[in-house]
C-alpha cells in the first residue's frame, strides 16, 4: 500500500521506495530504508503528511508519499 493511503496514528513498515534516485538517496541519508518503521502523525487535505521515523518528524508531500510503499 502507498504511504499516502495510510491512516494517521498508525505505524507501518517500509517495504519499497519508488522515487527518483536523488530523492531516494536523500531519504536513505535520513534513515528511511527497507524495513524502517514509519508513523503517520498527521494527514493534510492536499495529501501532505507529517511522519515520524528514526526519532525525527518530517513533512512529506503527496508525490513522495505515493512513492513509499508500506505494509
PDB file of N, CA and C in Angstrom:
ATOM      1  N   UNK A   1       0.849  -1.167   0.000  1.00  0.00           N
ATOM      2  CA  UNK A   1       0.000   0.000   0.000  1.00  0.00           C
ATOM      3  C   UNK A   1       0.900   1.238   0.000  1.00  0.00           C
ATOM      4  N   UNK A   2       0.444   2.280  -0.656  1.00  0.00           N
ATOM      5  CA  UNK A   2       1.183   3.541  -0.659  1.00  0.00           C
ATOM      6  C   UNK A   2       1.052   4.212   0.710  1.00  0.00           C
ATOM      7  N   UNK A   3       2.114   4.870   1.137  1.00  0.00           N
ATOM      8  CA  UNK A   3       2.088   5.568   2.426  1.00  0.00           C
ATOM      9  C   UNK A   3       0.957   6.591   2.455  1.00  0.00           C
ATOM     10  N   UNK A   4       0.680   7.222   1.332  1.00  0.00           N
ATOM     11  CA  UNK A   4      -0.372   8.245   1.277  1.00  0.00           C
ATOM     12  C   UNK A   4      -1.754   7.680   1.599  1.00  0.00           C
ATOM     13  N   UNK A   5      -1.940   6.379   1.485  1.00  0.00           N
ATOM     14  CA  UNK A   5      -3.225   5.737   1.787  1.00  0.00           C
ATOM     15  C   UNK A   5      -3.322   5.308   3.252  1.00  0.00           C
ATOM     16  N   UNK A   6      -2.248   5.502   4.013  1.00  0.00           N
ATOM     17  CA  UNK A   6      -2.222   5.096   5.416  1.00  0.00           C
ATOM     18  C   UNK A   6      -3.102   5.972   6.292  1.00  0.00           C
ATOM     19  N   UNK A   7      -3.261   5.554   7.521  1.00  0.00           N
ATOM     20  CA  UNK A   7      -4.113   6.230   8.495  1.00  0.00           C
ATOM     21  C   UNK A   7      -3.257   6.937   9.540  1.00  0.00           C
ATOM     22  N   UNK A   8      -3.650   8.154   9.876  1.00  0.00           N
ATOM     23  CA  UNK A   8      -2.936   8.912  10.912  1.00  0.00           C
ATOM     24  C   UNK A   8      -3.008   8.158  12.234  1.00  0.00           C
ATOM     25  N   UNK A   9      -1.879   8.123  12.933  1.00  0.00           N
ATOM     26  CA  UNK A   9      -1.810   7.449  14.220  1.00  0.00           C
ATOM     27  C   UNK A   9      -1.331   6.010  14.131  1.00  0.00           C
ATOM     28  N   UNK A  10      -1.137   5.493  12.935  1.00  0.00           N
ATOM     29  CA  UNK A  10      -0.682   4.112  12.775  1.00  0.00           C
ATOM     30  C   UNK A  10       0.777   4.079  12.338  1.00  0.00           C
ATOM     31  N   UNK A  11       1.435   2.963  12.641  1.00  0.00           N
ATOM     32  CA  UNK A  11       2.831   2.747  12.270  1.00  0.00           C
ATOM     33  C   UNK A  11       2.894   1.665  11.210  1.00  0.00           C
ATOM     34  N   UNK A  12       3.717   1.888  10.205  1.00  0.00           N
ATOM     35  CA  UNK A  12       3.870   0.956   9.093  1.00  0.00           C
ATOM     36  C   UNK A  12       5.342   0.615   8.905  1.00  0.00           C
ATOM     37  N   UNK A  13       5.606  -0.403   8.108  1.00  0.00           N
ATOM     38  CA  UNK A  13       6.969  -0.803   7.773  1.00  0.00           C
ATOM     39  C   UNK A  13       7.202  -0.543   6.295  1.00  0.00           C
ATOM     40  N   UNK A  14       8.294   0.140   5.972  1.00  0.00           N
ATOM     41  CA  UNK A  14       8.614   0.439   4.579  1.00  0.00           C
ATOM     42  C   UNK A  14       9.052  -0.847   3.888  1.00  0.00           C
ATOM     43  N   UNK A  15       8.417  -1.154   2.754  1.00  0.00           N
ATOM     44  CA  UNK A  15       8.803  -2.339   2.005  1.00  0.00           C
ATOM     45  C   UNK A  15       9.545  -1.972   0.721  1.00  0.00           C
ATOM     46  N   UNK A  16       9.185  -0.849   0.100  1.00  0.00           N
ATOM     47  CA  UNK A  16       9.854  -0.406  -1.126  1.00  0.00           C
ATOM     48  C   UNK A  16       9.797   1.114  -1.212  1.00  0.00           C
ATOM     49  N   UNK A  17      10.725   1.678  -1.978  1.00  0.00           N
ATOM     50  CA  UNK A  17      10.710   3.111  -2.250  1.00  0.00           C
ATOM     51  C   UNK A  17      10.865   3.286  -3.757  1.00  0.00           C
ATOM     52  N   UNK A  18       9.831   3.857  -4.392  1.00  0.00           N
ATOM     53  CA  UNK A  18       9.826   4.072  -5.836  1.00  0.00           C
ATOM     54  C   UNK A  18       9.839   5.569  -6.113  1.00  0.00           C
ATOM     55  N   UNK A  19      11.006   6.169  -5.974  1.00  0.00           N
ATOM     56  CA  UNK A  19      11.177   7.599  -6.209  1.00  0.00           C
ATOM     57  C   UNK A  19      12.406   7.807  -7.079  1.00  0.00           C
ATOM     58  N   UNK A  20      12.614   9.036  -7.532  1.00  0.00           N
ATOM     59  CA  UNK A  20      13.795   9.331  -8.348  1.00  0.00           C
ATOM     60  C   UNK A  20      15.051   9.025  -7.525  1.00  0.00           C
ATOM     61  N   UNK A  21      16.150   8.698  -8.187  1.00  0.00           N
ATOM     62  CA  UNK A  21      17.380   8.348  -7.457  1.00  0.00           C
ATOM     63  C   UNK A  21      17.840   9.415  -6.460  1.00  0.00           C
ATOM     64  N   UNK A  22      17.706  10.689  -6.813  1.00  0.00           N
ATOM     65  CA  UNK A  22      18.137  11.756  -5.906  1.00  0.00           C
ATOM     66  C   UNK A  22      17.282  11.808  -4.649  1.00  0.00           C
ATOM     67  N   UNK A  23      15.979  11.699  -4.823  1.00  0.00           N
ATOM     68  CA  UNK A  23      15.065  11.737  -3.669  1.00  0.00           C
ATOM     69  C   UNK A  23      15.242  10.489  -2.819  1.00  0.00           C
ATOM     70  N   UNK A  24      15.364   9.353  -3.475  1.00  0.00           N
ATOM     71  CA  UNK A  24      15.561   8.092  -2.751  1.00  0.00           C
ATOM     72  C   UNK A  24      16.845   8.151  -1.918  1.00  0.00           C
ATOM     73  N   UNK A  25      17.906   8.678  -2.497  1.00  0.00           N
ATOM     74  CA  UNK A  25      19.183   8.804  -1.785  1.00  0.00           C
ATOM     75  C   UNK A  25      19.034   9.727  -0.575  1.00  0.00           C
ATOM     76  N   UNK A  26      18.268  10.812  -0.732  1.00  0.00           N
ATOM     77  CA  UNK A  26      18.061  11.743   0.381  1.00  0.00           C
ATOM     78  C   UNK A  26      17.317  11.062   1.532  1.00  0.00           C
ATOM     79  N   UNK A  27      16.285  10.279   1.192  1.00  0.00           N
ATOM     80  CA  UNK A  27      15.570   9.541   2.228  1.00  0.00           C
ATOM     81  C   UNK A  27      16.481   8.517   2.901  1.00  0.00           C
ATOM     82  N   UNK A  28      17.347   7.875   2.135  1.00  0.00           N
ATOM     83  CA  UNK A  28      18.284   6.905   2.713  1.00  0.00           C
ATOM     84  C   UNK A  28      19.222   7.582   3.706  1.00  0.00           C
ATOM     85  N   UNK A  29      19.681   8.778   3.363  1.00  0.00           N
ATOM     86  CA  UNK A  29      20.563   9.530   4.264  1.00  0.00           C
ATOM     87  C   UNK A  29      19.838   9.859   5.575  1.00  0.00           C
ATOM     88  N   UNK A  30      18.548  10.121   5.477  1.00  0.00           N
ATOM     89  CA  UNK A  30      17.747  10.419   6.671  1.00  0.00           C
ATOM     90  C   UNK A  30      17.408   9.161   7.469  1.00  0.00           C
ATOM     91  N   UNK A  31      17.623   7.990   6.861  1.00  0.00           N
ATOM     92  CA  UNK A  31      17.374   6.732   7.563  1.00  0.00           C
ATOM     93  C   UNK A  31      16.136   5.991   7.118  1.00  0.00           C
ATOM     94  N   UNK A  32      15.467   6.473   6.071  1.00  0.00           N
ATOM     95  CA  UNK A  32      14.274   5.796   5.572  1.00  0.00           C
ATOM     96  C   UNK A  32      14.695   4.779   4.515  1.00  0.00           C
ATOM     97  N   UNK A  33      14.818   3.541   4.935  1.00  0.00           N
ATOM     98  CA  UNK A  33      15.229   2.440   4.059  1.00  0.00           C
ATOM     99  C   UNK A  33      14.265   1.265   4.271  1.00  0.00           C
ATOM    100  N   UNK A  34      14.479   0.190   3.539  1.00  0.00           N
ATOM    101  CA  UNK A  34      13.672  -1.020   3.657  1.00  0.00           C
ATOM    102  C   UNK A  34      13.591  -1.463   5.117  1.00  0.00           C
ATOM    103  N   UNK A  35      12.407  -1.824   5.577  1.00  0.00           N
ATOM    104  CA  UNK A  35      12.117  -2.301   6.938  1.00  0.00           C
ATOM    105  C   UNK A  35      12.135  -1.211   8.014  1.00  0.00           C
ATOM    106  N   UNK A  36      12.190   0.055   7.639  1.00  0.00           N
ATOM    107  CA  UNK A  36      12.121   1.140   8.621  1.00  0.00           C
ATOM    108  C   UNK A  36      10.680   1.293   9.088  1.00  0.00           C
ATOM    109  N   UNK A  37      10.496   1.492  10.380  1.00  0.00           N
ATOM    110  CA  UNK A  37       9.175   1.772  10.928  1.00  0.00           C
ATOM    111  C   UNK A  37       8.873   3.253  10.709  1.00  0.00           C
ATOM    112  N   UNK A  38       7.698   3.560  10.145  1.00  0.00           N
ATOM    113  CA  UNK A  38       7.307   4.943   9.890  1.00  0.00           C
ATOM    114  C   UNK A  38       5.902   5.160  10.443  1.00  0.00           C
ATOM    115  N   UNK A  39       5.742   6.208  11.224  1.00  0.00           N
ATOM    116  CA  UNK A  39       4.454   6.510  11.836  1.00  0.00           C
ATOM    117  C   UNK A  39       3.865   7.750  11.184  1.00  0.00           C
ATOM    118  N   UNK A  40       2.598   7.698  10.830  1.00  0.00           N
ATOM    119  CA  UNK A  40       1.906   8.864  10.280  1.00  0.00           C
ATOM    120  C   UNK A  40       1.332   9.635  11.460  1.00  0.00           C
ATOM    121  N   UNK A  41       1.817  10.846  11.668  1.00  0.00           N
ATOM    122  CA  UNK A  41       1.357  11.652  12.786  1.00  0.00           C
ATOM    123  C   UNK A  41       0.128  12.476  12.419  1.00  0.00           C
ATOM    124  N   UNK A  42       0.124  13.028  11.200  1.00  0.00           N
ATOM    125  CA  UNK A  42      -0.974  13.890  10.785  1.00  0.00           C
ATOM    126  C   UNK A  42      -1.076  13.877   9.264  1.00  0.00           C
ATOM    127  N   UNK A  43      -2.297  13.906   8.756  1.00  0.00           N
ATOM    128  CA  UNK A  43      -2.537  13.984   7.314  1.00  0.00           C
ATOM    129  C   UNK A  43      -3.255  15.285   6.991  1.00  0.00           C
ATOM    130  N   UNK A  44      -2.846  15.922   5.904  1.00  0.00           N
ATOM    131  CA  UNK A  44      -3.472  17.162   5.442  1.00  0.00           C
ATOM    132  C   UNK A  44      -4.420  16.848   4.290  1.00  0.00           C
ATOM    133  N   UNK A  45      -5.317  17.758   3.983  1.00  0.00           N
ATOM    134  CA  UNK A  45      -6.306  17.542   2.938  1.00  0.00           C
ATOM    135  C   UNK A  45      -5.685  17.388   1.549  1.00  0.00           C
ATOM    136  N   UNK A  46      -4.619  18.101   1.261  1.00  0.00           N
ATOM    137  CA  UNK A  46      -3.991  18.056  -0.066  1.00  0.00           C
ATOM    138  C   UNK A  46      -3.119  16.817  -0.255  1.00  0.00           C
ATOM    139  N   UNK A  47      -3.043  15.949   0.738  1.00  0.00           N
ATOM    140  CA  UNK A  47      -2.261  14.729   0.621  1.00  0.00           C
ATOM    141  C   UNK A  47      -0.934  14.774   1.338  1.00  0.00           C
ATOM    142  N   UNK A  48      -0.507  15.960   1.756  1.00  0.00           N
ATOM    143  CA  UNK A  48       0.739  16.062   2.511  1.00  0.00           C
ATOM    144  C   UNK A  48       0.531  15.461   3.896  1.00  0.00           C
ATOM    145  N   UNK A  49       1.626  15.045   4.523  1.00  0.00           N
ATOM    146  CA  UNK A  49       1.512  14.445   5.849  1.00  0.00           C
ATOM    147  C   UNK A  49       2.748  14.710   6.683  1.00  0.00           C
ATOM    148  N   UNK A  50       2.585  14.595   7.979  1.00  0.00           N
ATOM    149  CA  UNK A  50       3.689  14.661   8.928  1.00  0.00           C
ATOM    150  C   UNK A  50       3.945  13.227   9.370  1.00  0.00           C
ATOM    151  N   UNK A  51       5.188  12.779   9.193  1.00  0.00           N
ATOM    152  CA  UNK A  51       5.545  11.409   9.560  1.00  0.00           C
ATOM    153  C   UNK A  51       6.712  11.431  10.532  1.00  0.00           C
ATOM    154  N   UNK A  52       6.889  10.313  11.210  1.00  0.00           N
ATOM    155  CA  UNK A  52       7.996  10.188  12.156  1.00  0.00           C
ATOM    156  C   UNK A  52       8.704   8.869  11.894  1.00  0.00           C
ATOM    157  N   UNK A  53      10.024   8.934  11.732  1.00  0.00           N
ATOM    158  CA  UNK A  53      10.843   7.737  11.640  1.00  0.00           C
ATOM    159  C   UNK A  53      12.220   8.046  12.183  1.00  0.00           C
ATOM    160  N   UNK A  54      12.836   7.049  12.790  1.00  0.00           N
ATOM    161  CA  UNK A  54      14.162   7.182  13.406  1.00  0.00           C
ATOM    162  C   UNK A  54      14.219   8.329  14.413  1.00  0.00           C
ATOM    163  N   UNK A  55      13.098   8.596  15.101  1.00  0.00           N
ATOM    164  CA  UNK A  55      13.084   9.600  16.158  1.00  0.00           C
ATOM    165  C   UNK A  55      12.901  11.031  15.708  1.00  0.00           C
ATOM    166  N   UNK A  56      12.716  11.281  14.412  1.00  0.00           N
ATOM    167  CA  UNK A  56      12.536  12.641  13.910  1.00  0.00           C
ATOM    168  C   UNK A  56      11.239  12.761  13.128  1.00  0.00           C
ATOM    169  N   UNK A  57      10.695  13.974  13.103  1.00  0.00           N
ATOM    170  CA  UNK A  57       9.462  14.242  12.367  1.00  0.00           C
ATOM    171  C   UNK A  57       9.791  14.943  11.063  1.00  0.00           C
ATOM    172  N   UNK A  58       9.042  14.600  10.006  1.00  0.00           N
ATOM    173  CA  UNK A  58       9.259  15.181   8.682  1.00  0.00           C
ATOM    174  C   UNK A  58       7.923  15.469   8.012  1.00  0.00           C
ATOM    175  N   UNK A  59       7.884  16.510   7.214  1.00  0.00           N
ATOM    176  CA  UNK A  59       6.728  16.785   6.361  1.00  0.00           C
ATOM    177  C   UNK A  59       7.024  16.132   5.015  1.00  0.00           C
ATOM    178  N   UNK A  60       6.067  15.375   4.510  1.00  0.00           N
ATOM    179  CA  UNK A  60       6.237  14.651   3.251  1.00  0.00           C
ATOM    180  C   UNK A  60       5.066  15.004   2.343  1.00  0.00           C
ATOM    181  N   UNK A  61       5.380  15.453   1.119  1.00  0.00           N
ATOM    182  CA  UNK A  61       4.341  15.773   0.155  1.00  0.00           C
ATOM    183  C   UNK A  61       3.687  14.524  -0.407  1.00  0.00           C
ATOM    184  N   UNK A  62       2.532  14.695  -1.039  1.00  0.00           N
ATOM    185  CA  UNK A  62       1.784  13.570  -1.583  1.00  0.00           C
ATOM    186  C   UNK A  62       2.586  12.808  -2.627  1.00  0.00           C
ATOM    187  N   UNK A  63       3.335  13.506  -3.486  1.00  0.00           N
ATOM    188  CA  UNK A  63       4.134  12.840  -4.526  1.00  0.00           C
ATOM    189  C   UNK A  63       5.137  11.873  -3.913  1.00  0.00           C
ATOM    190  N   UNK A  64       5.781  12.283  -2.839  1.00  0.00           N
ATOM    191  CA  UNK A  64       6.759  11.433  -2.167  1.00  0.00           C
ATOM    192  C   UNK A  64       6.066  10.298  -1.417  1.00  0.00           C
ATOM    193  N   UNK A  65       4.962  10.606  -0.749  1.00  0.00           N
ATOM    194  CA  UNK A  65       4.222   9.601  -0.002  1.00  0.00           C
ATOM    195  C   UNK A  65       3.686   8.508  -0.935  1.00  0.00           C
ATOM    196  N   UNK A  66       3.341   8.878  -2.178  1.00  0.00           N
ATOM    197  CA  UNK A  66       2.871   7.893  -3.156  1.00  0.00           C
ATOM    198  C   UNK A  66       3.986   6.938  -3.578  1.00  0.00           C
ATOM    199  N   UNK A  67       5.231   7.383  -3.484  1.00  0.00           N
ATOM    200  CA  UNK A  67       6.364   6.561  -3.892  1.00  0.00           C
ATOM    201  C   UNK A  67       6.921   5.661  -2.796  1.00  0.00           C
ATOM    202  N   UNK A  68       6.402   5.801  -1.582  1.00  0.00           N
ATOM    203  CA  UNK A  68       6.851   4.970  -0.459  1.00  0.00           C
ATOM    204  C   UNK A  68       5.807   3.890  -0.227  1.00  0.00           C
ATOM    205  N   UNK A  69       6.203   2.645  -0.431  1.00  0.00           N
ATOM    206  CA  UNK A  69       5.300   1.506  -0.278  1.00  0.00           C
ATOM    207  C   UNK A  69       5.503   0.904   1.108  1.00  0.00           C
ATOM    208  N   UNK A  70       4.410   0.735   1.843  1.00  0.00           N
ATOM    209  CA  UNK A  70       4.476   0.223   3.215  1.00  0.00           C
ATOM    210  C   UNK A  70       3.556  -0.994   3.368  1.00  0.00           C
ATOM    211  N   UNK A  71       3.780  -1.707   4.456  1.00  0.00           N
ATOM    212  CA  UNK A  71       2.876  -2.822   4.787  1.00  0.00           C
ATOM    213  C   UNK A  71       2.603  -2.809   6.274  1.00  0.00           C
TER     214      UNK A  71
END
